Amino acid sequence: MDEDKTGTGTTETNSFDSRLAEARAKRGLDRPADQPNAVPTDMSAFTVFFRVGIELVSAVLVGLLIGYGLDRLLHTRPFLLILFVVLGGIAGMVNVWRIVAPAPNPGRKS
């Protein structure tokens, strides 16, 4: 049954499809939602919320530390601290936008 007697190449296609399905299953790409180790849908929103919070807080903290360190080094007390906290907040918002922004539609022309 696996042999192609018509010469149309359907065995090669079937072989490729079966190997592709096997590789996807091996990687876990075709995992059904009812499997025990699949991520529940309600955890996805929690995960996004948690990641958004971490992105915002970490960006502001990095800006705060850089600003504080440069202020101590250059003896310009509040100026660089404020500047880098604002820059960290902007960077955090850009990272959050990248997380929650809709995926671009490749078929749509702008």
N, C-alpha and C. Protein backbone atom coordinates (compact mmCIF):
# COMPACT_ATOMS: atom_id res chain seq x y z
N MET A 1 0.79 -1.19 0.00
CA MET A 1 0.00 0.00 0.00
C MET A 1 0.85 1.27 0.00
N ASP A 2 2.05 1.18 0.55
CA ASP A 2 2.90 2.35 0.61
C ASP A 2 3.57 2.65 -0.73
N GLU A 3 3.57 1.68 -1.62
CA GLU A 3 4.24 1.89 -2.89
C GLU A 3 3.35 2.68 -3.83
N ASP A 4 3.96 3.53 -4.58
CA ASP A 4 3.25 4.35 -5.55
C ASP A 4 3.30 3.65 -6.90
N LYS A 5 2.16 3.08 -7.36
CA LYS A 5 2.13 2.37 -8.62
C LYS A 5 1.69 3.27 -9.77
N THR A 6 1.15 4.46 -9.44
CA THR A 6 0.67 5.34 -10.49
C THR A 6 1.74 6.29 -10.97
N GLY A 7 2.79 6.49 -10.21
CA GLY A 7 3.87 7.38 -10.61
C GLY A 7 3.56 8.84 -10.39
N THR A 8 2.55 9.15 -9.56
CA THR A 8 2.17 10.56 -9.35
C THR A 8 2.88 11.18 -8.16
N GLY A 9 3.55 10.40 -7.37
CA GLY A 9 4.29 10.95 -6.24
C GLY A 9 3.47 11.08 -4.97
N THR A 10 2.32 10.42 -4.87
CA THR A 10 1.50 10.54 -3.67
C THR A 10 2.13 9.86 -2.47
N THR A 11 2.96 8.85 -2.69
CA THR A 11 3.63 8.20 -1.58
C THR A 11 4.61 9.16 -0.92
N GLU A 12 5.30 9.93 -1.73
CA GLU A 12 6.23 10.90 -1.17
C GLU A 12 5.50 11.94 -0.34
N THR A 13 4.35 12.39 -0.82
CA THR A 13 3.55 13.36 -0.08
C THR A 13 3.03 12.76 1.20
N ASN A 14 2.52 11.53 1.14
CA ASN A 14 2.02 10.87 2.34
C ASN A 14 3.14 10.63 3.33
N SER A 15 4.30 10.26 2.82
CA SER A 15 5.45 10.03 3.69
C SER A 15 5.86 11.33 4.38
N PHE A 16 5.89 12.42 3.60
CA PHE A 16 6.26 13.71 4.18
C PHE A 16 5.25 14.15 5.22
N ASP A 17 3.95 13.99 4.90
CA ASP A 17 2.91 14.38 5.85
C ASP A 17 3.00 13.59 7.14
N SER A 18 3.26 12.30 7.01
CA SER A 18 3.34 11.48 8.22
C SER A 18 4.58 11.83 9.04
N ARG A 19 5.71 12.11 8.36
CA ARG A 19 6.91 12.51 9.09
C ARG A 19 6.72 13.88 9.74
N LEU A 20 6.02 14.80 9.05
CA LEU A 20 5.75 16.11 9.62
C LEU A 20 4.85 16.00 10.84
N ALA A 21 3.81 15.19 10.75
CA ALA A 21 2.91 15.00 11.89
C ALA A 21 3.64 14.37 13.07
N GLU A 22 4.53 13.43 12.78
CA GLU A 22 5.30 12.78 13.84
C GLU A 22 6.25 13.78 14.52
N ALA A 23 6.89 14.63 13.72
CA ALA A 23 7.81 15.62 14.29
C ALA A 23 7.06 16.66 15.11
N ARG A 24 5.88 17.09 14.63
CA ARG A 24 5.08 18.07 15.39
C ARG A 24 4.60 17.47 16.70
N ALA A 25 4.20 16.20 16.68
CA ALA A 25 3.75 15.54 17.90
C ALA A 25 4.92 15.37 18.87
N LYS A 26 6.09 15.07 18.34
CA LYS A 26 7.27 14.89 19.18
C LYS A 26 7.65 16.19 19.89
N ARG A 27 7.51 17.32 19.18
CA ARG A 27 7.80 18.64 19.75
C ARG A 27 6.68 19.17 20.64
N GLY A 28 5.51 18.54 20.58
CA GLY A 28 4.39 18.99 21.38
C GLY A 28 3.61 20.12 20.75
N LEU A 29 3.72 20.30 19.44
CA LEU A 29 3.04 21.39 18.76
C LEU A 29 1.58 21.08 18.48
N ASP A 30 1.23 19.82 18.40
CA ASP A 30 -0.15 19.42 18.13
C ASP A 30 -0.81 18.83 19.36
N ARG A 31 -0.49 19.34 20.52
CA ARG A 31 -1.02 18.80 21.77
C ARG A 31 -2.47 19.24 21.95
N PRO A 32 -3.39 18.30 22.15
CA PRO A 32 -4.79 18.69 22.40
C PRO A 32 -4.94 19.40 23.74
N ALA A 33 -5.97 20.22 23.85
CA ALA A 33 -6.16 21.02 25.07
C ALA A 33 -6.56 20.18 26.27
N ASP A 34 -7.05 18.95 26.06
CA ASP A 34 -7.50 18.14 27.18
C ASP A 34 -6.38 17.32 27.82
N GLN A 35 -5.17 17.46 27.35
CA GLN A 35 -4.05 16.75 27.97
C GLN A 35 -3.71 17.42 29.31
N PRO A 36 -3.25 16.64 30.29
CA PRO A 36 -3.00 17.19 31.62
C PRO A 36 -1.89 18.23 31.68
N ASN A 37 -0.90 18.18 30.81
CA ASN A 37 0.19 19.15 30.88
C ASN A 37 -0.03 20.33 29.94
N ALA A 38 -1.21 20.43 29.32
CA ALA A 38 -1.52 21.59 28.49
C ALA A 38 -1.87 22.77 29.38
N VAL A 39 -1.55 23.97 28.94
CA VAL A 39 -1.81 25.17 29.72
C VAL A 39 -3.29 25.51 29.64
N PRO A 40 -3.96 25.69 30.79
CA PRO A 40 -5.37 26.07 30.76
C PRO A 40 -5.54 27.47 30.17
N THR A 41 -6.69 27.72 29.58
CA THR A 41 -6.90 29.02 28.93
C THR A 41 -6.97 30.16 29.94
N ASP A 42 -7.45 29.92 31.15
CA ASP A 42 -7.53 31.00 32.13
C ASP A 42 -6.14 31.36 32.67
N MET A 43 -5.16 30.49 32.56
CA MET A 43 -3.80 30.82 33.00
C MET A 43 -3.11 31.73 31.99
N SER A 44 -3.55 31.73 30.78
CA SER A 44 -2.92 32.56 29.77
C SER A 44 -3.08 34.05 30.11
N ALA A 45 -4.25 34.46 30.54
CA ALA A 45 -4.48 35.86 30.92
C ALA A 45 -3.64 36.21 32.15
N PHE A 46 -3.57 35.30 33.10
CA PHE A 46 -2.76 35.54 34.29
C PHE A 46 -1.29 35.67 33.92
N THR A 47 -0.83 34.84 33.02
CA THR A 47 0.56 34.88 32.59
C THR A 47 0.88 36.20 31.91
N VAL A 48 -0.01 36.66 31.05
CA VAL A 48 0.20 37.94 30.37
C VAL A 48 0.21 39.07 31.39
N PHE A 49 -0.73 39.06 32.33
CA PHE A 49 -0.80 40.09 33.36
C PHE A 49 0.48 40.10 34.20
N PHE A 50 0.96 38.93 34.58
CA PHE A 50 2.17 38.83 35.38
C PHE A 50 3.38 39.34 34.60
N ARG A 51 3.47 38.99 33.33
CA ARG A 51 4.59 39.44 32.51
C ARG A 51 4.57 40.95 32.30
N VAL A 52 3.37 41.51 32.10
CA VAL A 52 3.25 42.96 31.93
C VAL A 52 3.74 43.67 33.19
N GLY A 53 3.35 43.19 34.34
CA GLY A 53 3.79 43.79 35.59
C GLY A 53 5.30 43.71 35.77
N ILE A 54 5.86 42.56 35.48
CA ILE A 54 7.30 42.39 35.59
C ILE A 54 8.04 43.31 34.64
N GLU A 55 7.55 43.44 33.40
CA GLU A 55 8.20 44.31 32.41
C GLU A 55 8.20 45.76 32.89
N LEU A 56 7.07 46.23 33.38
CA LEU A 56 6.99 47.62 33.83
C LEU A 56 7.89 47.88 35.03
N VAL A 57 7.79 47.03 36.03
CA VAL A 57 8.56 47.24 37.25
C VAL A 57 10.05 47.12 36.98
N SER A 58 10.45 46.13 36.21
CA SER A 58 11.89 45.94 35.97
C SER A 58 12.47 47.10 35.15
N ALA A 59 11.73 47.61 34.18
CA ALA A 59 12.24 48.72 33.38
C ALA A 59 12.41 49.98 34.23
N VAL A 60 11.44 50.24 35.10
CA VAL A 60 11.54 51.42 35.96
C VAL A 60 12.68 51.24 36.97
N LEU A 61 12.84 50.03 37.52
CA LEU A 61 13.93 49.79 38.47
C LEU A 61 15.30 49.93 37.82
N VAL A 62 15.44 49.44 36.61
CA VAL A 62 16.73 49.60 35.91
C VAL A 62 17.00 51.07 35.67
N GLY A 63 16.00 51.83 35.24
CA GLY A 63 16.17 53.26 35.05
C GLY A 63 16.51 53.97 36.35
N LEU A 64 15.87 53.56 37.44
CA LEU A 64 16.14 54.14 38.75
C LEU A 64 17.58 53.88 39.18
N LEU A 65 18.05 52.66 39.01
CA LEU A 65 19.42 52.34 39.41
C LEU A 65 20.46 53.05 38.54
N ILE A 66 20.21 53.12 37.25
CA ILE A 66 21.16 53.83 36.38
C ILE A 66 21.20 55.30 36.72
N GLY A 67 20.02 55.91 36.90
CA GLY A 67 19.96 57.33 37.25
C GLY A 67 20.61 57.63 38.59
N TYR A 68 20.35 56.79 39.57
CA TYR A 68 20.94 56.99 40.90
C TYR A 68 22.47 56.85 40.84
N GLY A 69 22.92 55.84 40.11
CA GLY A 69 24.37 55.63 40.00
C GLY A 69 25.06 56.78 39.29
N LEU A 70 24.47 57.26 38.21
CA LEU A 70 25.08 58.38 37.49
C LEU A 70 25.01 59.67 38.31
N ASP A 71 23.93 59.87 39.07
CA ASP A 71 23.85 61.05 39.94
C ASP A 71 24.93 61.02 41.01
N ARG A 72 25.16 59.88 41.59
CA ARG A 72 26.23 59.78 42.61
C ARG A 72 27.59 59.99 41.98
N LEU A 73 27.79 59.45 40.79
CA LEU A 73 29.07 59.55 40.12
C LEU A 73 29.36 60.98 39.66
N LEU A 74 28.36 61.66 39.14
CA LEU A 74 28.55 62.99 38.57
C LEU A 74 28.11 64.13 39.50
N HIS A 75 27.61 63.80 40.69
CA HIS A 75 27.17 64.77 41.70
C HIS A 75 26.10 65.70 41.15
N THR A 76 25.13 65.15 40.45
CA THR A 76 23.99 65.91 39.95
C THR A 76 22.74 65.27 40.52
N ARG A 77 22.45 65.51 41.79
CA ARG A 77 21.47 64.76 42.55
C ARG A 77 20.17 64.38 41.85
N PRO A 78 19.18 65.18 41.66
CA PRO A 78 17.93 64.58 41.20
C PRO A 78 17.78 64.51 39.68
N PHE A 79 18.62 65.21 38.95
CA PHE A 79 18.39 65.37 37.52
C PHE A 79 18.41 64.04 36.76
N LEU A 80 19.50 63.30 36.84
CA LEU A 80 19.63 62.06 36.08
C LEU A 80 18.71 60.96 36.63
N LEU A 81 18.46 60.98 37.92
CA LEU A 81 17.54 60.01 38.51
C LEU A 81 16.15 60.16 37.89
N ILE A 82 15.66 61.38 37.84
CA ILE A 82 14.34 61.63 37.26
C ILE A 82 14.32 61.29 35.78
N LEU A 83 15.36 61.69 35.07
CA LEU A 83 15.44 61.43 33.64
C LEU A 83 15.40 59.93 33.34
N PHE A 84 16.18 59.14 34.06
CA PHE A 84 16.24 57.71 33.77
C PHE A 84 15.02 56.95 34.28
N VAL A 85 14.36 57.45 35.31
CA VAL A 85 13.10 56.82 35.73
C VAL A 85 12.04 57.03 34.65
N VAL A 86 12.00 58.23 34.07
CA VAL A 86 11.06 58.49 32.98
C VAL A 86 11.41 57.62 31.76
N LEU A 87 12.69 57.55 31.42
CA LEU A 87 13.10 56.70 30.29
C LEU A 87 12.79 55.23 30.56
N GLY A 88 12.98 54.77 31.78
CA GLY A 88 12.65 53.39 32.14
C GLY A 88 11.15 53.13 32.02
N GLY A 89 10.33 54.12 32.43
CA GLY A 89 8.89 53.98 32.29
C GLY A 89 8.48 53.89 30.83
N ILE A 90 9.10 54.71 29.99
CA ILE A 90 8.80 54.66 28.56
C ILE A 90 9.22 53.32 27.96
N ALA A 91 10.39 52.85 28.35
CA ALA A 91 10.86 51.55 27.85
C ALA A 91 9.93 50.43 28.31
N GLY A 92 9.44 50.51 29.54
CA GLY A 92 8.49 49.51 30.04
C GLY A 92 7.19 49.53 29.27
N MET A 93 6.70 50.73 28.93
CA MET A 93 5.47 50.83 28.15
C MET A 93 5.66 50.28 26.74
N VAL A 94 6.82 50.51 26.14
CA VAL A 94 7.09 49.97 24.81
C VAL A 94 7.11 48.44 24.88
N ASN A 95 7.72 47.88 25.92
CA ASN A 95 7.76 46.43 26.07
C ASN A 95 6.35 45.86 26.28
N VAL A 96 5.53 46.55 27.06
CA VAL A 96 4.16 46.11 27.28
C VAL A 96 3.38 46.18 25.98
N TRP A 97 3.58 47.22 25.19
CA TRP A 97 2.89 47.31 23.91
C TRP A 97 3.27 46.15 22.99
N ARG A 98 4.53 45.76 23.02
CA ARG A 98 4.96 44.62 22.20
C ARG A 98 4.28 43.33 22.63
N ILE A 99 3.98 43.21 23.93
CA ILE A 99 3.35 42.00 24.44
C ILE A 99 1.87 41.96 24.05
N VAL A 100 1.16 43.07 24.22
CA VAL A 100 -0.29 43.06 24.06
C VAL A 100 -0.77 43.53 22.69
N ALA A 101 0.11 44.02 21.86
CA ALA A 101 -0.31 44.51 20.54
C ALA A 101 -0.75 43.35 19.66
N PRO A 102 -1.76 43.58 18.84
CA PRO A 102 -2.18 42.51 17.92
C PRO A 102 -1.10 42.22 16.90
N ALA A 103 -1.04 40.97 16.49
CA ALA A 103 -0.04 40.57 15.50
C ALA A 103 -0.36 41.23 14.16
N PRO A 104 0.66 41.66 13.44
CA PRO A 104 0.39 42.28 12.14
C PRO A 104 -0.17 41.26 11.16
N ASN A 105 -1.05 41.71 10.30
CA ASN A 105 -1.68 40.85 9.30
C ASN A 105 -0.83 40.93 8.03
N PRO A 106 -0.13 39.85 7.66
CA PRO A 106 0.76 39.93 6.49
C PRO A 106 0.02 40.13 5.18
N GLY A 107 -1.26 39.77 5.10
CA GLY A 107 -2.01 39.92 3.87
C GLY A 107 -2.56 41.32 3.67
N ARG A 108 -2.54 42.14 4.71
CA ARG A 108 -3.12 43.48 4.64
C ARG A 108 -2.10 44.46 4.10
N LYS A 109 -2.53 45.28 3.16
CA LYS A 109 -1.64 46.29 2.60
C LYS A 109 -1.90 47.62 3.29
N SER A 110 -0.81 48.33 3.66
CA SER A 110 -0.99 49.60 4.34
C SER A 110 -0.92 50.75 3.39
